[in-house]
PDB file of N, CA and C in Angstrom:
ATOM      1  N   UNK A   1      27.056 -93.163-169.399  1.00  0.00           N
ATOM      2  CA  UNK A   1      27.149 -93.693-167.943  1.00  0.00           C
ATOM      3  C   UNK A   1      29.039 -93.733-167.695  1.00  0.00           C
ATOM      4  N   UNK A   2      29.614 -94.382-168.503  1.00  0.00           N
ATOM      5  CA  UNK A   2      30.646 -95.081-168.574  1.00  0.00           C
ATOM      6  C   UNK A   2      32.026 -93.782-168.462  1.00  0.00           C
ATOM      7  N   UNK A   3      31.604 -93.095-169.572  1.00  0.00           N
ATOM      8  CA  UNK A   3      32.435 -91.606-169.657  1.00  0.00           C
ATOM      9  C   UNK A   3      32.398 -90.960-168.432  1.00  0.00           C
ATOM     10  N   UNK A   4      31.268 -90.913-167.625  1.00  0.00           N
ATOM     11  CA  UNK A   4      31.101 -90.223-166.312  1.00  0.00           C
ATOM     12  C   UNK A   4      32.025 -91.011-165.301  1.00  0.00           C
ATOM     13  N   UNK A   5      32.153 -92.066-165.402  1.00  0.00           N
ATOM     14  CA  UNK A   5      32.872 -93.085-164.406  1.00  0.00           C
ATOM     15  C   UNK A   5      34.326 -92.826-164.629  1.00  0.00           C
ATOM     16  N   UNK A   6      34.715 -92.625-166.015  1.00  0.00           N
ATOM     17  CA  UNK A   6      36.068 -92.463-166.549  1.00  0.00           C
ATOM     18  C   UNK A   6      36.670 -90.844-165.698  1.00  0.00           C
ATOM     19  N   UNK A   7      35.702 -90.179-165.894  1.00  0.00           N
ATOM     20  CA  UNK A   7      36.116 -88.860-165.746  1.00  0.00           C
ATOM     21  C   UNK A   7      36.079 -88.570-164.320  1.00  0.00           C
ATOM     22  N   UNK A   8      35.381 -89.010-163.457  1.00  0.00           N
ATOM     23  CA  UNK A   8      35.439 -89.017-161.949  1.00  0.00           C
ATOM     24  C   UNK A   8      36.352 -89.760-161.205  1.00  0.00           C
ATOM     25  N   UNK A   9      36.978 -90.934-162.139  1.00  0.00           N
ATOM     26  CA  UNK A   9      37.734 -91.427-161.617  1.00  0.00           C
ATOM     27  C   UNK A   9      39.106 -90.984-161.787  1.00  0.00           C
ATOM     28  N   UNK A  10      39.293 -90.123-163.156  1.00  0.00           N
ATOM     29  CA  UNK A  10      40.676 -89.620-163.319  1.00  0.00           C
ATOM     30  C   UNK A  10      40.755 -88.355-162.467  1.00  0.00           C
ATOM     31  N   UNK A  11      39.850 -87.853-162.203  1.00  0.00           N
ATOM     32  CA  UNK A  11      39.946 -86.429-161.128  1.00  0.00           C
ATOM     33  C   UNK A  11      39.819 -86.850-159.916  1.00  0.00           C
ATOM     34  N   UNK A  12      39.492 -88.093-159.364  1.00  0.00           N
ATOM     35  CA  UNK A  12      40.294 -88.436-157.941  1.00  0.00           C
ATOM     36  C   UNK A  12      41.212 -89.196-158.113  1.00  0.00           C
ATOM     37  N   UNK A  13      41.854 -89.704-159.074  1.00  0.00           N
ATOM     38  CA  UNK A  13      43.304 -90.074-158.958  1.00  0.00           C
ATOM     39  C   UNK A  13      44.461 -89.157-159.046  1.00  0.00           C
ATOM     40  N   UNK A  14      44.193 -87.834-159.693  1.00  0.00           N
ATOM     41  CA  UNK A  14      44.922 -86.615-159.803  1.00  0.00           C
ATOM     42  C   UNK A  14      44.836 -85.860-158.379  1.00  0.00           C
ATOM     43  N   UNK A  15      43.535 -85.699-157.749  1.00  0.00           N
ATOM     44  CA  UNK A  15      43.390 -85.115-156.503  1.00  0.00           C
ATOM     45  C   UNK A  15      43.857 -85.866-155.179  1.00  0.00           C
ATOM     46  N   UNK A  16      43.708 -87.501-155.165  1.00  0.00           N
ATOM     47  CA  UNK A  16      44.170 -88.201-154.037  1.00  0.00           C
ATOM     48  C   UNK A  16      45.278 -87.839-153.638  1.00  0.00           C
ATOM     49  N   UNK A  17      46.562 -87.711-154.433  1.00  0.00           N
ATOM     50  CA  UNK A  17      47.552 -87.176-153.584  1.00  0.00           C
ATOM     51  C   UNK A  17      47.988 -86.011-153.000  1.00  0.00           C
ATOM     52  N   UNK A  18      47.300 -85.110-153.774  1.00  0.00           N
ATOM     53  CA  UNK A  18      47.309 -83.650-153.194  1.00  0.00           C
ATOM     54  C   UNK A  18      46.750 -83.954-151.773  1.00  0.00           C
ATOM     55  N   UNK A  19      45.273 -84.460-151.515  1.00  0.00           N
ATOM     56  CA  UNK A  19      44.949 -84.309-150.325  1.00  0.00           C
ATOM     57  C   UNK A  19      45.517 -85.267-149.648  1.00  0.00           C
ATOM     58  N   UNK A  20      46.639 -85.940-149.836  1.00  0.00           N
ATOM     59  CA  UNK A  20      47.353 -87.093-149.065  1.00  0.00           C
ATOM     60  C   UNK A  20      48.453 -85.950-148.337  1.00  0.00           C
ATOM     61  N   UNK A  21      48.907 -84.960-148.957  1.00  0.00           N
ATOM     62  CA  UNK A  21      50.412 -84.372-148.428  1.00  0.00           C
ATOM     63  C   UNK A  21      49.992 -83.217-147.386  1.00  0.00           C
ATOM     64  N   UNK A  22      48.566 -82.933-147.189  1.00  0.00           N
ATOM     65  CA  UNK A  22      48.379 -81.943-146.219  1.00  0.00           C
ATOM     66  C   UNK A  22      48.648 -82.372-144.967  1.00  0.00           C
ATOM     67  N   UNK A  23      49.580 -81.348-144.166  1.00  0.00           N
ATOM     68  CA  UNK A  23      49.437 -81.752-142.757  1.00  0.00           C
ATOM     69  C   UNK A  23      48.310 -81.663-141.967  1.00  0.00           C
ATOM     70  N   UNK A  24      48.326 -81.817-140.737  1.00  0.00           N
ATOM     71  CA  UNK A  24      47.390 -81.498-139.848  1.00  0.00           C
ATOM     72  C   UNK A  24      47.075 -79.656-139.358  1.00  0.00           C
ATOM     73  N   UNK A  25      46.226 -79.631-139.061  1.00  0.00           N
ATOM     74  CA  UNK A  25      45.873 -78.210-139.012  1.00  0.00           C
ATOM     75  C   UNK A  25      45.313 -77.393-140.083  1.00  0.00           C
ATOM     76  N   UNK A  26      45.147 -76.099-139.764  1.00  0.00           N
ATOM     77  CA  UNK A  26      44.342 -75.238-140.445  1.00  0.00           C
ATOM     78  C   UNK A  26      45.040 -75.476-142.060  1.00  0.00           C
ATOM     79  N   UNK A  27      44.065 -75.248-143.067  1.00  0.00           N
ATOM     80  CA  UNK A  27      44.546 -75.369-144.356  1.00  0.00           C
ATOM     81  C   UNK A  27      45.140 -74.215-144.960  1.00  0.00           C
ATOM     82  N   UNK A  28      46.149 -74.095-145.610  1.00  0.00           N
ATOM     83  CA  UNK A  28      46.601 -72.378-145.697  1.00  0.00           C
ATOM     84  C   UNK A  28      45.481 -72.396-147.356  1.00  0.00           C
ATOM     85  N   UNK A  29      45.188 -73.412-148.298  1.00  0.00           N
ATOM     86  CA  UNK A  29      44.521 -72.980-149.331  1.00  0.00           C
ATOM     87  C   UNK A  29      43.251 -73.665-149.263  1.00  0.00           C
ATOM     88  N   UNK A  30      42.120 -73.359-150.024  1.00  0.00           N
ATOM     89  CA  UNK A  30      40.814 -73.584-149.658  1.00  0.00           C
ATOM     90  C   UNK A  30      41.139 -75.058-150.640  1.00  0.00           C
ATOM     91  N   UNK A  31      40.016 -76.160-149.916  1.00  0.00           N
ATOM     92  CA  UNK A  31      40.018 -77.390-150.060  1.00  0.00           C
ATOM     93  C   UNK A  31      38.653 -77.640-151.098  1.00  0.00           C
ATOM     94  N   UNK A  32      39.007 -77.901-152.658  1.00  0.00           N
ATOM     95  CA  UNK A  32      38.235 -77.545-153.808  1.00  0.00           C
ATOM     96  C   UNK A  32      38.276 -79.089-154.448  1.00  0.00           C
ATOM     97  N   UNK A  33      37.082 -79.515-155.018  1.00  0.00           N
ATOM     98  CA  UNK A  33      37.072 -80.925-155.581  1.00  0.00           C
ATOM     99  C   UNK A  33      36.035 -80.463-156.890  1.00  0.00           C
ATOM    100  N   UNK A  34      36.538 -80.369-157.959  1.00  0.00           N
ATOM    101  CA  UNK A  34      36.205 -80.159-159.296  1.00  0.00           C
ATOM    102  C   UNK A  34      35.729 -81.364-159.829  1.00  0.00           C
ATOM    103  N   UNK A  35      34.207 -81.487-160.120  1.00  0.00           N
ATOM    104  CA  UNK A  35      33.883 -82.692-160.780  1.00  0.00           C
ATOM    105  C   UNK A  35      33.006 -82.517-162.087  1.00  0.00           C
ATOM    106  N   UNK A  36      33.407 -83.014-163.517  1.00  0.00           N
ATOM    107  CA  UNK A  36      32.800 -82.573-164.653  1.00  0.00           C
ATOM    108  C   UNK A  36      32.378 -83.910-165.068  1.00  0.00           C
ATOM    109  N   UNK A  37      31.226 -83.605-165.589  1.00  0.00           N
ATOM    110  CA  UNK A  37      30.544 -84.634-166.474  1.00  0.00           C
ATOM    111  C   UNK A  37      30.402 -84.334-167.790  1.00  0.00           C
ATOM    112  N   UNK A  38      31.006 -85.340-168.537  1.00  0.00           N
ATOM    113  CA  UNK A  38      31.202 -84.833-169.814  1.00  0.00           C
ATOM    114  C   UNK A  38      30.261 -85.850-171.034  1.00  0.00           C
ATOM    115  N   UNK A  39      30.443 -85.455-172.241  1.00  0.00           N
ATOM    116  CA  UNK A  39      29.568 -86.036-173.537  1.00  0.00           C
ATOM    117  C   UNK A  39      28.082 -86.381-172.723  1.00  0.00           C
ATOM    118  N   UNK A  40      27.169 -85.464-172.326  1.00  0.00           N
ATOM    119  CA  UNK A  40      26.211 -84.878-172.051  1.00  0.00           C
ATOM    120  C   UNK A  40      25.302 -83.874-172.662  1.00  0.00           C
ATOM    121  N   UNK A  41      24.078 -83.911-172.842  1.00  0.00           N
ATOM    122  CA  UNK A  41      23.256 -83.084-173.128  1.00  0.00           C
ATOM    123  C   UNK A  41      22.819 -82.009-172.051  1.00  0.00           C
ATOM    124  N   UNK A  42      22.626 -80.938-172.140  1.00  0.00           N
ATOM    125  CA  UNK A  42      22.250 -80.109-170.996  1.00  0.00           C
ATOM    126  C   UNK A  42      21.515 -80.572-169.827  1.00  0.00           C
ATOM    127  N   UNK A  43      20.519 -81.717-170.254  1.00  0.00           N
ATOM    128  CA  UNK A  43      19.865 -81.962-169.143  1.00  0.00           C
ATOM    129  C   UNK A  43      19.419 -83.296-168.720  1.00  0.00           C
ATOM    130  N   UNK A  44      20.632 -83.783-169.040  1.00  0.00           N
ATOM    131  CA  UNK A  44      21.020 -85.272-168.803  1.00  0.00           C
ATOM    132  C   UNK A  44      21.175 -85.625-167.400  1.00  0.00           C
ATOM    133  N   UNK A  45      20.703 -84.740-166.338  1.00  0.00           N
ATOM    134  CA  UNK A  45      21.152 -85.315-165.315  1.00  0.00           C
ATOM    135  C   UNK A  45      19.830 -84.839-163.926  1.00  0.00           C
ATOM    136  N   UNK A  46      19.478 -85.219-163.046  1.00  0.00           N
ATOM    137  CA  UNK A  46      18.383 -84.850-162.264  1.00  0.00           C
ATOM    138  C   UNK A  46      18.630 -83.412-161.805  1.00  0.00           C
ATOM    139  N   UNK A  47      19.748 -83.108-161.115  1.00  0.00           N
ATOM    140  CA  UNK A  47      19.793 -81.663-161.059  1.00  0.00           C
ATOM    141  C   UNK A  47      19.660 -80.595-161.630  1.00  0.00           C
ATOM    142  N   UNK A  48      19.484 -81.099-163.223  1.00  0.00           N
ATOM    143  CA  UNK A  48      19.186 -79.680-164.106  1.00  0.00           C
ATOM    144  C   UNK A  48      17.715 -79.911-164.415  1.00  0.00           C
ATOM    145  N   UNK A  49      16.822 -80.749-163.885  1.00  0.00           N
ATOM    146  CA  UNK A  49      15.459 -80.811-163.901  1.00  0.00           C
ATOM    147  C   UNK A  49      15.195 -82.014-165.038  1.00  0.00           C
ATOM    148  N   UNK A  50      16.176 -82.945-165.150  1.00  0.00           N
ATOM    149  CA  UNK A  50      15.562 -84.255-165.687  1.00  0.00           C
ATOM    150  C   UNK A  50      14.767 -85.178-164.695  1.00  0.00           C
ATOM    151  N   UNK A  51      13.572 -85.254-165.130  1.00  0.00           N
ATOM    152  CA  UNK A  51      12.866 -86.320-164.065  1.00  0.00           C
ATOM    153  C   UNK A  51      12.698 -87.798-164.464  1.00  0.00           C
ATOM    154  N   UNK A  52      13.148 -88.160-165.834  1.00  0.00           N
ATOM    155  CA  UNK A  52      13.443 -89.687-166.034  1.00  0.00           C
ATOM    156  C   UNK A  52      14.824 -90.337-165.399  1.00  0.00           C
ATOM    157  N   UNK A  53      15.603 -89.520-165.913  1.00  0.00           N
ATOM    158  CA  UNK A  53      17.075 -90.004-165.433  1.00  0.00           C
ATOM    159  C   UNK A  53      17.107 -89.306-164.217  1.00  0.00           C
ATOM    160  N   UNK A  54      17.765 -90.768-163.650  1.00  0.00           N
ATOM    161  CA  UNK A  54      18.223 -90.661-161.928  1.00  0.00           C
ATOM    162  C   UNK A  54      19.460 -90.850-161.824  1.00  0.00           C
ATOM    163  N   UNK A  55      19.744 -89.771-161.462  1.00  0.00           N
ATOM    164  CA  UNK A  55      21.558 -89.411-161.004  1.00  0.00           C
ATOM    165  C   UNK A  55      21.549 -89.076-159.437  1.00  0.00           C
ATOM    166  N   UNK A  56      21.367 -89.784-158.279  1.00  0.00           N
ATOM    167  CA  UNK A  56      21.093 -89.475-157.016  1.00  0.00           C
ATOM    168  C   UNK A  56      22.537 -88.767-156.236  1.00  0.00           C
ATOM    169  N   UNK A  57      23.375 -89.230-156.884  1.00  0.00           N
ATOM    170  CA  UNK A  57      24.511 -88.975-156.226  1.00  0.00           C
ATOM    171  C   UNK A  57      25.514 -87.614-156.769  1.00  0.00           C
ATOM    172  N   UNK A  58      25.163 -87.522-158.238  1.00  0.00           N
ATOM    173  CA  UNK A  58      25.478 -86.207-158.773  1.00  0.00           C
ATOM    174  C   UNK A  58      24.781 -85.177-157.908  1.00  0.00           C
ATOM    175  N   UNK A  59      23.165 -85.604-158.033  1.00  0.00           N
ATOM    176  CA  UNK A  59      22.381 -84.262-157.550  1.00  0.00           C
ATOM    177  C   UNK A  59      22.112 -84.138-155.866  1.00  0.00           C
ATOM    178  N   UNK A  60      23.191 -84.774-155.056  1.00  0.00           N
ATOM    179  CA  UNK A  60      23.530 -84.675-154.287  1.00  0.00           C
ATOM    180  C   UNK A  60      24.585 -83.658-153.701  1.00  0.00           C
ATOM    181  N   UNK A  61      25.580 -83.931-154.376  1.00  0.00           N
ATOM    182  CA  UNK A  61      26.919 -83.095-154.872  1.00  0.00           C
ATOM    183  C   UNK A  61      26.325 -81.880-155.351  1.00  0.00           C
ATOM    184  N   UNK A  62      25.224 -81.766-156.228  1.00  0.00           N
ATOM    185  CA  UNK A  62      25.027 -80.330-156.858  1.00  0.00           C
ATOM    186  C   UNK A  62      24.495 -79.404-155.591  1.00  0.00           C
ATOM    187  N   UNK A  63      23.477 -80.279-154.933  1.00  0.00           N
ATOM    188  CA  UNK A  63      22.792 -79.756-153.854  1.00  0.00           C
ATOM    189  C   UNK A  63      23.720 -78.847-152.639  1.00  0.00           C
ATOM    190  N   UNK A  64      24.883 -79.747-152.400  1.00  0.00           N
ATOM    191  CA  UNK A  64      25.449 -79.248-151.513  1.00  0.00           C
ATOM    192  C   UNK A  64      26.552 -78.267-151.863  1.00  0.00           C
ATOM    193  N   UNK A  65      27.072 -78.136-153.273  1.00  0.00           N
ATOM    194  CA  UNK A  65      28.175 -77.502-153.880  1.00  0.00           C
ATOM    195  C   UNK A  65      27.496 -76.391-154.626  1.00  0.00           C
ATOM    196  N   UNK A  66      28.342 -76.104-155.556  1.00  0.00           N
ATOM    197  CA  UNK A  66      28.040 -74.899-157.017  1.00  0.00           C
ATOM    198  C   UNK A  66      27.654 -75.964-157.802  1.00  0.00           C
ATOM    199  N   UNK A  67      26.597 -75.344-158.808  1.00  0.00           N
ATOM    200  CA  UNK A  67      26.194 -75.879-159.758  1.00  0.00           C
ATOM    201  C   UNK A  67      26.005 -75.028-160.848  1.00  0.00           C
ATOM    202  N   UNK A  68      26.878 -75.101-161.948  1.00  0.00           N
ATOM    203  CA  UNK A  68      26.778 -73.805-163.281  1.00  0.00           C
ATOM    204  C   UNK A  68      25.588 -74.363-164.103  1.00  0.00           C
ATOM    205  N   UNK A  69      24.702 -73.438-164.257  1.00  0.00           N
ATOM    206  CA  UNK A  69      23.484 -73.509-165.023  1.00  0.00           C
ATOM    207  C   UNK A  69      23.650 -72.991-166.494  1.00  0.00           C
ATOM    208  N   UNK A  70      24.805 -71.717-166.259  1.00  0.00           N
ATOM    209  CA  UNK A  70      25.149 -71.158-167.820  1.00  0.00           C
ATOM    210  C   UNK A  70      26.187 -71.122-168.053  1.00  0.00           C
ATOM    211  N   UNK A  71      26.606 -71.975-169.004  1.00  0.00           N
ATOM    212  CA  UNK A  71      27.974 -72.171-169.254  1.00  0.00           C
ATOM    213  C   UNK A  71      28.213 -72.666-171.127  1.00  0.00           C
ATOM    214  N   UNK A  72      29.090 -72.190-171.680  1.00  0.00           N
ATOM    215  CA  UNK A  72      29.310 -72.479-172.803  1.00  0.00           C
ATOM    216  C   UNK A  72      30.399 -73.160-173.445  1.00  0.00           C
ATOM    217  N   UNK A  73      30.407 -73.986-174.441  1.00  0.00           N
ATOM    218  CA  UNK A  73      31.956 -74.510-174.987  1.00  0.00           C
ATOM    219  C   UNK A  73      32.201 -74.299-176.461  1.00  0.00           C
ATOM    220  N   UNK A  74      33.300 -74.184-176.829  1.00  0.00           N
ATOM    221  CA  UNK A  74      33.611 -73.630-178.171  1.00  0.00           C
ATOM    222  C   UNK A  74      33.202 -74.765-179.010  1.00  0.00           C
ATOM    223  N   UNK A  75      33.377 -76.083-178.833  1.00  0.00           N
ATOM    224  CA  UNK A  75      33.079 -77.258-179.507  1.00  0.00           C
ATOM    225  C   UNK A  75      32.540 -78.331-178.878  1.00  0.00           C
ATOM    226  N   UNK A  76      31.864 -78.845-179.616  1.00  0.00           N
ATOM    227  CA  UNK A  76      31.150 -79.761-178.559  1.00  0.00           C
ATOM    228  C   UNK A  76      32.047 -81.565-178.931  1.00  0.00           C
ATOM    229  N   UNK A  77      32.985 -81.205-178.715  1.00  0.00           N
ATOM    230  CA  UNK A  77      33.944 -82.906-178.833  1.00  0.00           C
ATOM    231  C   UNK A  77      34.232 -83.169-177.311  1.00  0.00           C
ATOM    232  N   UNK A  78      34.267 -84.569-176.889  1.00  0.00           N
ATOM    233  CA  UNK A  78      34.125 -84.709-175.667  1.00  0.00           C
ATOM    234  C   UNK A  78      35.615 -84.907-175.032  1.00  0.00           C
ATOM    235  N   UNK A  79      36.034 -85.313-173.947  1.00  0.00           N
ATOM    236  CA  UNK A  79      37.261 -85.715-173.468  1.00  0.00           C
ATOM    237  C   UNK A  79      37.855 -87.020-173.969  1.00  0.00           C
ATOM    238  N   UNK A  80      36.990 -88.226-173.907  1.00  0.00           N
ATOM    239  CA  UNK A  80      37.668 -89.165-174.203  1.00  0.00           C
ATOM    240  C   UNK A  80      38.452 -89.056-175.825  1.00  0.00           C
ATOM    241  N   UNK A  81      37.552 -88.674-176.607  1.00  0.00           N
ATOM    242  CA  UNK A  81      37.932 -88.102-178.061  1.00  0.00           C
ATOM    243  C   UNK A  81      39.099 -87.106-178.164  1.00  0.00           C
ATOM    244  N   UNK A  82      39.223 -86.189-177.266  1.00  0.00           N
ATOM    245  CA  UNK A  82      40.343 -85.587-177.147  1.00  0.00           C
ATOM    246  C   UNK A  82      42.172 -85.641-176.907  1.00  0.00           C
ATOM    247  N   UNK A  83      41.330 -87.286-175.794  1.00  0.00           N
ATOM    248  CA  UNK A  83      42.466 -88.043-175.484  1.00  0.00           C
ATOM    249  C   UNK A  83      43.401 -88.600-176.266  1.00  0.00           C
TER     250      UNK A  83
END
């Protein structure tokens, strides 16, 4: 859970200055927010079918946005150990 909070915080810190620089009016680029949860097995969230672990906020985001259900990695090393 701590890694999830760190990952989301870092993403928001990098995106906040970008979001604040847009002028009023129609956006010339799409407004995207990419949230990556790290260091979990594939079913560690409620939106992936887990009935025991409760992740209501991630589940809401997954229901309103895009949820990747078929993905692969080259190695299972987490972001914290790469940093």
